[in-house]
Protein backbone atom coordinates (compact mmCIF):
# COMPACT_ATOMS: atom_id res chain seq x y z
CA MET A 1 -122.39 55.85 -51.95
CA ILE A 2 -119.30 53.76 -51.69
CA THR A 3 -116.30 55.02 -53.43
CA ARG A 4 -113.51 53.53 -54.74
CA ARG A 5 -111.31 55.40 -52.00
CA SER A 6 -114.01 54.20 -49.16
CA TRP A 7 -113.77 50.64 -50.76
CA ALA A 8 -109.81 50.75 -51.02
CA ALA A 9 -109.73 51.86 -47.07
CA ALA A 10 -112.05 49.04 -46.05
CA GLY A 11 -110.46 46.48 -47.73
CA ALA A 12 -106.97 47.30 -46.35
CA THR A 13 -108.55 47.32 -42.93
CA ALA A 14 -110.11 44.01 -43.59
CA ALA A 15 -106.85 42.59 -44.58
CA ALA A 16 -104.84 43.66 -41.72
CA THR A 17 -107.53 41.99 -39.37
CA LEU A 18 -106.78 38.73 -41.46
CA LEU A 19 -103.35 38.92 -39.80
CA LEU A 20 -104.96 38.80 -36.53
CA ILE A 21 -107.32 35.91 -36.87
CA PRO A 22 -105.98 31.95 -36.74
CA GLY A 23 -107.00 30.74 -40.09
CA PRO A 24 -108.40 31.99 -43.50
CA ALA A 25 -111.56 34.32 -43.17
CA HIS A 26 -114.59 32.20 -43.60
CA ALA A 27 -117.81 33.90 -44.10
CA ASP A 28 -119.39 32.07 -41.10
CA LYS A 29 -116.30 32.86 -38.63
CA SER A 30 -115.85 36.28 -37.39
CA PRO A 31 -112.35 37.78 -36.93
CA GLY A 32 -110.72 36.61 -33.77
CA THR A 33 -112.55 33.73 -33.15
CA GLY A 34 -109.39 31.55 -32.20
CA SER A 35 -106.75 32.32 -29.74
CA GLN A 36 -103.09 32.69 -30.06
CA GLY A 37 -100.81 29.78 -30.21
CA SER A 38 -98.35 28.87 -27.65
CA VAL A 39 -95.67 31.50 -27.17
CA SER A 40 -92.86 31.39 -29.67
CA ALA A 41 -90.06 33.55 -30.43
CA GLY A 42 -90.90 32.61 -34.41
CA GLY A 43 -93.74 35.30 -34.63
CA GLY A 44 -95.35 32.66 -37.23
CA ARG A 45 -98.10 30.26 -36.80
CA GLN A 46 -98.20 26.84 -35.24
CA GLY A 47 -100.92 24.89 -37.16
CA GLN A 48 -103.43 27.49 -37.86
CA GLU A 49 -102.55 29.87 -34.58
CA ILE A 50 -100.75 33.18 -34.73
CA THR A 51 -97.99 33.44 -32.04
CA SER A 52 -96.61 35.86 -30.01
CA VAL A 53 -92.91 37.00 -30.21
CA ILE A 54 -93.02 37.79 -26.20
CA ARG A 55 -91.44 34.73 -24.26
CA TYR A 56 -92.61 34.02 -20.71
CA SER A 57 -90.82 32.42 -17.89
CA GLY A 58 -90.78 31.79 -14.38
CA ALA A 59 -94.24 31.40 -12.12
CA ILE A 60 -96.63 31.72 -15.17
CA ALA A 61 -99.47 29.74 -16.33
CA GLY A 62 -101.60 30.08 -19.62
CA GLY A 63 -105.25 30.53 -18.13
CA LYS A 64 -106.86 31.59 -14.75
CA GLY A 65 -107.91 29.78 -11.82
CA GLY A 66 -107.84 25.94 -11.56
CA LYS A 67 -106.60 23.72 -9.03
CA GLY A 68 -103.19 24.34 -7.59
CA GLY A 69 -103.55 27.92 -8.04
CA GLY A 70 -104.28 30.43 -10.39
CA ALA A 71 -103.79 34.22 -11.77
CA MET A 72 -104.06 37.19 -9.47
CA GLN A 73 -106.83 39.76 -9.53
CA PRO A 74 -106.00 43.12 -9.62
CA VAL A 75 -106.95 45.44 -6.56
CA GLY A 76 -109.07 48.55 -7.85
CA ASP A 77 -109.98 49.11 -11.53
CA TRP A 78 -106.46 48.65 -13.22
CA THR A 79 -106.38 45.74 -15.83
CA PRO A 80 -103.36 44.63 -18.14
CA PRO A 81 -103.76 45.71 -21.63
CA ALA A 82 -105.99 43.69 -23.56
CA CYS A 83 -103.78 44.48 -26.85
CA TRP A 84 -100.55 45.90 -27.79
CA TYR A 85 -98.19 46.38 -30.85
CA GLU A 86 -95.02 44.09 -31.18
CA PRO A 87 -92.19 43.68 -33.79
CA ARG A 88 -91.78 41.45 -36.74
CA THR A 89 -88.76 41.13 -38.37
CA ALA A 90 -88.97 41.78 -42.18
CA GLU A 91 -88.93 38.13 -42.74
CA GLN A 92 -91.39 37.14 -40.35
CA PHE A 93 -93.73 39.56 -41.59
CA ARG A 94 -93.42 38.64 -45.26
CA ASP A 95 -93.70 35.21 -44.24
CA GLN A 96 -97.26 35.95 -42.01
CA VAL A 97 -98.85 38.11 -44.80
CA GLU A 98 -97.91 35.56 -47.75
CA ARG A 99 -99.24 32.84 -45.46
CA SER A 100 -102.58 34.70 -44.69
CA TYR A 101 -102.87 35.56 -48.46
CA GLU A 102 -102.56 31.93 -49.91
CA GLU A 103 -104.77 30.62 -47.23
CA THR A 104 -107.58 33.15 -48.13
CA VAL A 105 -107.45 32.98 -51.99
CA ASN A 106 -107.04 29.21 -51.92
CA THR A 107 -109.93 28.52 -49.60
CA PRO A 108 -112.90 26.87 -51.49
CA GLY A 109 -115.93 29.16 -51.26
CA GLN A 110 -114.02 32.19 -50.12
CA HIS A 111 -115.83 35.38 -50.98
CA SER A 112 -114.46 37.76 -53.51
CA TYR A 113 -114.26 40.43 -50.79
CA ALA A 114 -112.18 38.75 -48.58
CA LYS A 115 -109.97 37.45 -51.66
CA ARG A 116 -109.88 41.17 -52.78
CA ALA A 117 -109.18 42.84 -49.43
CA VAL A 118 -106.10 40.31 -48.40
CA GLY A 119 -104.95 41.07 -52.10
CA MET A 120 -104.72 44.83 -51.66
CA PHE A 121 -103.00 44.61 -48.33
CA ARG A 122 -100.43 42.27 -49.93
CA ASP A 123 -99.77 44.59 -52.45
CA LYS A 124 -99.29 47.44 -50.17
CA TYR A 125 -96.28 45.94 -48.42
CA LYS A 126 -95.21 43.94 -51.14
CA ASP A 127 -95.20 46.09 -54.36
CA GLY A 128 -96.90 49.37 -53.24
CA GLU A 129 -96.15 51.74 -50.75
CA TYR A 130 -93.72 49.64 -49.57
CA LYS A 131 -90.92 47.30 -51.46
CA ASP A 132 -91.06 43.71 -50.96
CA TYR A 133 -91.67 43.96 -46.99
CA ASN A 134 -88.57 46.13 -46.49
CA LEU A 135 -86.42 43.09 -46.91
CA LYS A 136 -83.38 45.13 -47.87
CA GLU A 137 -83.70 47.13 -44.83
CA LYS A 138 -84.18 44.23 -42.64
CA ASP A 139 -81.21 45.20 -40.68
CA LYS A 140 -82.69 48.81 -39.90
CA GLY A 141 -85.79 48.35 -38.31
CA ALA A 142 -88.92 45.90 -37.74
CA TRP A 143 -92.52 45.80 -38.62
CA TRP A 144 -94.79 46.33 -35.92
CA VAL A 145 -98.21 44.62 -35.54
CA ALA A 146 -101.33 44.68 -33.33
CA VAL A 147 -101.91 41.70 -31.17
CA ARG A 148 -105.03 41.11 -28.88
CA ASP A 149 -104.97 38.81 -25.87
CA PRO A 150 -106.70 36.00 -26.57
CA ASP A 151 -108.66 35.54 -23.24
CA ARG A 152 -109.97 39.01 -23.77
CA GLN A 153 -110.12 39.51 -27.55
CA PHE A 154 -113.83 40.26 -27.54
CA GLU A 155 -113.43 43.16 -24.98
CA ASP A 156 -113.88 46.57 -26.52
CA ALA A 157 -110.38 47.33 -24.97
CA ALA A 158 -109.11 44.62 -27.29
CA GLN A 159 -110.14 46.70 -30.36
CA ALA A 160 -108.18 49.64 -29.52
CA CYS A 161 -105.21 48.34 -31.40
CA ASP A 162 -106.39 49.08 -34.69
CA LYS A 163 -103.50 50.58 -36.79
CA GLU A 164 -102.12 48.90 -39.85
CA PRO A 165 -98.55 47.19 -39.61
CA PHE A 166 -95.87 49.82 -39.76
CA TRP A 167 -92.36 50.00 -39.87
CA VAL A 168 -90.09 51.53 -37.08
CA GLU A 169 -86.26 52.18 -37.49
CA ASN A 170 -84.13 50.51 -34.68
CA GLY A 171 -83.83 53.15 -32.02
CA ASP A 172 -86.82 54.87 -32.76
CA ARG A 173 -90.04 54.67 -30.20
CA PRO A 174 -92.77 53.33 -31.91
CA PRO A 175 -95.42 56.30 -32.40
CA VAL A 176 -98.51 54.41 -30.90
CA GLU A 177 -99.73 54.02 -27.49
CA ASN A 178 -99.65 50.43 -26.04
CA ALA A 179 -96.17 49.65 -27.88
CA LEU A 180 -94.19 46.86 -26.21
CA SER A 181 -91.68 48.43 -23.66
CA PRO A 182 -90.36 47.00 -20.54
CA GLU A 183 -93.38 48.69 -18.35
CA LEU A 184 -95.90 47.03 -20.71
CA LEU A 185 -94.11 43.60 -20.44
CA ALA A 186 -94.27 43.90 -16.64
CA HIS A 187 -97.91 44.42 -17.20
CA LEU A 188 -98.49 41.49 -19.37
CA ALA A 189 -96.24 39.25 -17.18
CA TYR A 190 -98.54 40.56 -14.21
CA ALA A 191 -101.73 38.72 -16.03
CA ARG A 192 -99.61 35.44 -16.47
CA LEU A 193 -98.43 35.30 -12.97
CA ARG A 194 -99.52 32.19 -11.01
CA LEU A 195 -99.91 32.05 -7.29
CA PRO A 196 -100.56 29.04 -5.01
CA ASP A 197 -103.71 27.98 -3.63
CA THR A 198 -104.73 30.21 -0.36
CA GLU A 199 -105.56 27.18 1.96
CA VAL A 200 -104.81 28.15 5.71
CA SER A 201 -104.05 26.02 8.47
CA LEU A 202 -106.57 25.70 10.92
CA ALA A 203 -106.77 24.61 14.77
CA PRO A 204 -109.17 22.90 15.30
CA GLU A 205 -108.73 21.44 12.01
CA GLY A 206 -111.81 20.35 10.07
CA THR A 207 -114.48 20.78 12.46
CA THR A 208 -114.59 23.40 15.37
CA LYS A 209 -117.10 24.32 18.08
CA VAL A 210 -119.34 27.07 18.37
CA ASN A 211 -117.85 30.14 20.43
CA LEU A 212 -114.76 28.25 20.40
CA PRO A 213 -111.66 30.36 18.77
CA THR A 214 -110.36 28.80 15.45
CA TRP A 215 -106.96 29.51 14.77
CA ALA A 216 -105.39 30.30 11.40
CA TRP A 217 -101.96 30.90 10.27
CA LEU A 218 -100.08 30.48 6.77
CA ASP A 219 -96.59 28.95 6.37
CA LYS A 220 -93.89 31.22 5.32
CA ALA A 221 -91.98 28.51 3.95
CA ARG A 222 -95.17 28.00 1.17
CA PHE A 223 -95.78 31.50 0.56
CA LYS A 224 -92.68 32.94 -0.93
CA PRO A 225 -92.31 35.91 -3.54
CA LEU A 226 -92.98 34.59 -7.03
CA SER A 227 -91.98 36.23 -10.16
CA ALA A 228 -92.62 36.12 -13.79
CA THR A 229 -90.56 37.38 -16.80
CA ALA A 230 -91.66 38.63 -20.01
CA SER A 231 -89.12 39.38 -22.98
CA VAL A 232 -88.47 40.17 -26.46
CA ASP A 233 -85.21 39.34 -28.17
CA LEU A 234 -85.19 40.29 -31.97
CA PRO A 235 -82.07 41.80 -34.17
CA GLY A 236 -81.77 45.50 -32.99
CA LEU A 237 -84.34 45.20 -30.17
CA ASN A 238 -83.99 43.55 -26.82
CA LEU A 239 -86.51 44.20 -23.96
CA SER A 240 -87.41 42.35 -20.97
CA ALA A 241 -89.25 42.80 -17.77
CA THR A 242 -89.84 40.88 -14.56
CA THR A 243 -92.92 41.33 -12.51
CA THR A 244 -92.57 40.00 -8.81
CA ALA A 245 -95.48 39.49 -6.30
CA ARG A 246 -94.66 39.23 -2.72
CA PRO A 247 -97.05 37.70 -0.16
CA GLY A 248 -98.57 40.50 2.37
CA SER A 249 -101.71 40.20 4.31
CA LEU A 250 -104.39 37.50 4.55
CA ARG A 251 -108.21 38.25 4.81
CA LEU A 252 -110.43 35.77 6.21
CA ASP A 253 -114.34 35.77 5.34
CA PRO A 254 -115.96 33.09 7.49
CA GLY A 255 -118.80 32.22 5.02
CA THR A 256 -121.63 33.21 7.47
CA GLU A 257 -122.68 36.24 9.16
CA ASP A 258 -122.71 34.49 12.19
CA ALA A 259 -119.10 34.80 13.15
CA ARG A 260 -116.44 36.83 14.30
CA THR A 261 -112.93 37.44 12.73
CA HIS A 262 -109.50 38.02 14.72
CA PRO A 263 -108.69 40.72 14.31
CA ALA A 264 -112.28 42.42 13.59
CA SER A 265 -111.44 43.49 10.59
CA GLY A 266 -110.48 40.06 9.19
CA ALA A 267 -107.07 41.12 7.75
CA CYS A 268 -104.25 39.35 9.17
CA ALA A 269 -100.96 41.18 8.76
CA LYS A 270 -97.57 39.48 7.58
CA ASN A 271 -95.18 38.54 10.48
CA ALA A 272 -91.53 39.96 10.31
CA ASP A 273 -90.47 36.33 9.61
CA GLY A 274 -93.08 36.06 6.63
CA SER A 275 -95.70 34.16 8.05
CA VAL A 276 -99.03 35.10 8.52
CA GLY A 277 -100.73 34.43 11.84
CA GLU A 278 -99.89 32.12 14.74
CA PRO A 279 -99.87 28.24 14.90
CA TYR A 280 -101.78 26.85 17.74
CA ALA A 281 -99.97 25.23 20.60
CA LYS A 282 -100.69 23.55 23.85
CA GLY A 283 -101.44 26.29 26.71
CA LYS A 284 -102.95 28.85 24.32
CA GLY A 285 -106.47 27.77 24.80
CA ASP A 286 -107.64 30.69 26.79
CA ARG A 287 -105.99 33.19 24.25
CA THR A 288 -107.48 35.20 21.56
CA PRO A 289 -105.71 34.18 18.29
CA PRO A 290 -103.95 36.72 16.44
CA CYS A 291 -105.29 35.63 13.17
CA GLY A 292 -108.47 33.58 13.30
CA LEU A 293 -112.30 33.49 13.84
CA THR A 294 -115.17 32.26 16.22
CA TYR A 295 -118.35 30.67 14.73
CA LEU A 296 -121.44 31.71 16.84
CA ARG A 297 -123.72 29.21 15.34
CA SER A 298 -123.55 25.54 14.11
CA SER A 299 -123.29 24.77 10.27
CA GLY A 300 -125.78 22.05 10.95
CA GLU A 301 -125.35 18.99 8.78
CA GLY A 302 -123.21 21.12 6.31
CA THR A 303 -120.47 23.33 6.13
CA TYR A 304 -119.73 26.94 6.35
CA ASP A 305 -117.31 28.10 3.29
CA LEU A 306 -114.45 29.79 4.70
CA ARG A 307 -112.69 31.61 2.08
CA ALA A 308 -108.97 33.15 2.60
CA THR A 309 -107.47 35.63 0.14
CA VAL A 310 -104.10 36.66 0.13
CA THR A 311 -103.21 40.39 -1.02
CA TRP A 312 -99.94 40.20 -3.10
CA ASN A 313 -97.67 43.33 -3.17
CA VAL A 314 -96.46 43.56 -6.82
CA SER A 315 -93.39 45.20 -8.52
CA TRP A 316 -91.39 45.28 -11.42
CA ASP A 317 -88.05 45.98 -13.14
CA GLY A 318 -86.81 45.58 -16.62
CA THR A 319 -84.34 46.31 -19.21
CA GLY A 320 -83.09 50.27 -19.20
CA THR A 321 -85.23 51.13 -16.49
CA GLY A 322 -85.43 51.21 -12.72
CA GLY A 323 -89.05 49.58 -12.52
CA GLY A 324 -91.28 50.56 -10.06
CA GLY A 325 -94.65 49.44 -8.16
CA LEU A 326 -97.59 47.68 -10.09
CA PRO A 327 -101.29 47.45 -8.22
CA ASP A 328 -101.57 44.95 -5.64
CA GLY A 329 -103.34 41.60 -6.56
CA GLU A 330 -105.72 39.18 -4.72
CA PHE A 331 -105.82 35.37 -4.84
CA GLY A 332 -108.14 33.30 -2.57
CA ALA A 333 -109.66 30.14 -2.15
CA GLU A 334 -112.64 28.13 -0.16
CA GLN A 335 -112.14 25.47 2.50
CA PRO A 336 -115.01 23.87 4.19
CA VAL A 337 -115.51 24.42 7.84
CA ARG A 338 -117.81 22.13 10.02
CA VAL A 339 -119.11 23.65 13.01
CA GLU A 340 -120.91 21.99 15.85
CA GLU A 341 -122.49 22.75 19.10
CA ILE A 342 -120.73 21.81 22.33
CA GLN A 343 -122.44 19.12 23.83
CA ALA A 344 -123.22 19.16 27.61
CA VAL A 345 -123.54 16.07 29.73
CA ASN A 346 -125.69 16.59 32.85
CA ARG A 347 -125.43 14.13 35.84
């Protein structure tokens, strides 16, 4: 039997969910089917999209992969958070709730349960447990609300932040896991850090010969440390963290089992000057390259897909803390290599 108490609890939860979706709750649209909008300190909507109060700067990107670079993939099982709690001023929270309420109740064909749910939620913060969204206390604290990573909103991990908005006095720590902190901001900056394409220089370039060592190297001028900063600046709350990735080793995968890598592990260490490997020069033909590979079979009419992956060493620092290390990240790319047989001429 559905009691008045259970209906009220379900209604409040449903109304809280409405705050996380990018538009009115339609019967044919599941919660969370949109994306967060562009980053804004306003915490409101741009068009129909909820935006985060987090600002990002530095070497960041809105998506993963793509020509010209992409996002790091963490080494191991670690992943940045899929959801978190972040603050809103009393005015921001009031505007967000009122906007959700108006959009829901004024949508033609909207179900009565959705209207009732969002109305119950609004009443809780406007005229019920709280009074007028705590506007009279606006200089003493902030509302904290759940936010999901728009790229991961359907993952189970993104559903973990399911608490209704709650009030926190300035200086107090929010009593939940995944509340924004300098370290969590560093994790979010990690996910948005964009790295350059990993295209190695080769000699011979483009086409090489069977059993002929191919030299590979990365220019230190191109592979430099990169940083991304995530910050929140609201009255009574100033949080910031910078995540920095520094290029480390290079790993080569020839794209075929008929090849040897140099060194045998395929991992080329970074040199003291920041470069990886060594450019080929005249007179080095009888040497084994410190970083490279030797193909043992022709690629025929096609090419082999040489994959070069750089491991990046990651650390962070933030406001009020010394920071620390984060899991290494990887980013790689493929490039075609044609391998031909050495033609011998008999006279």
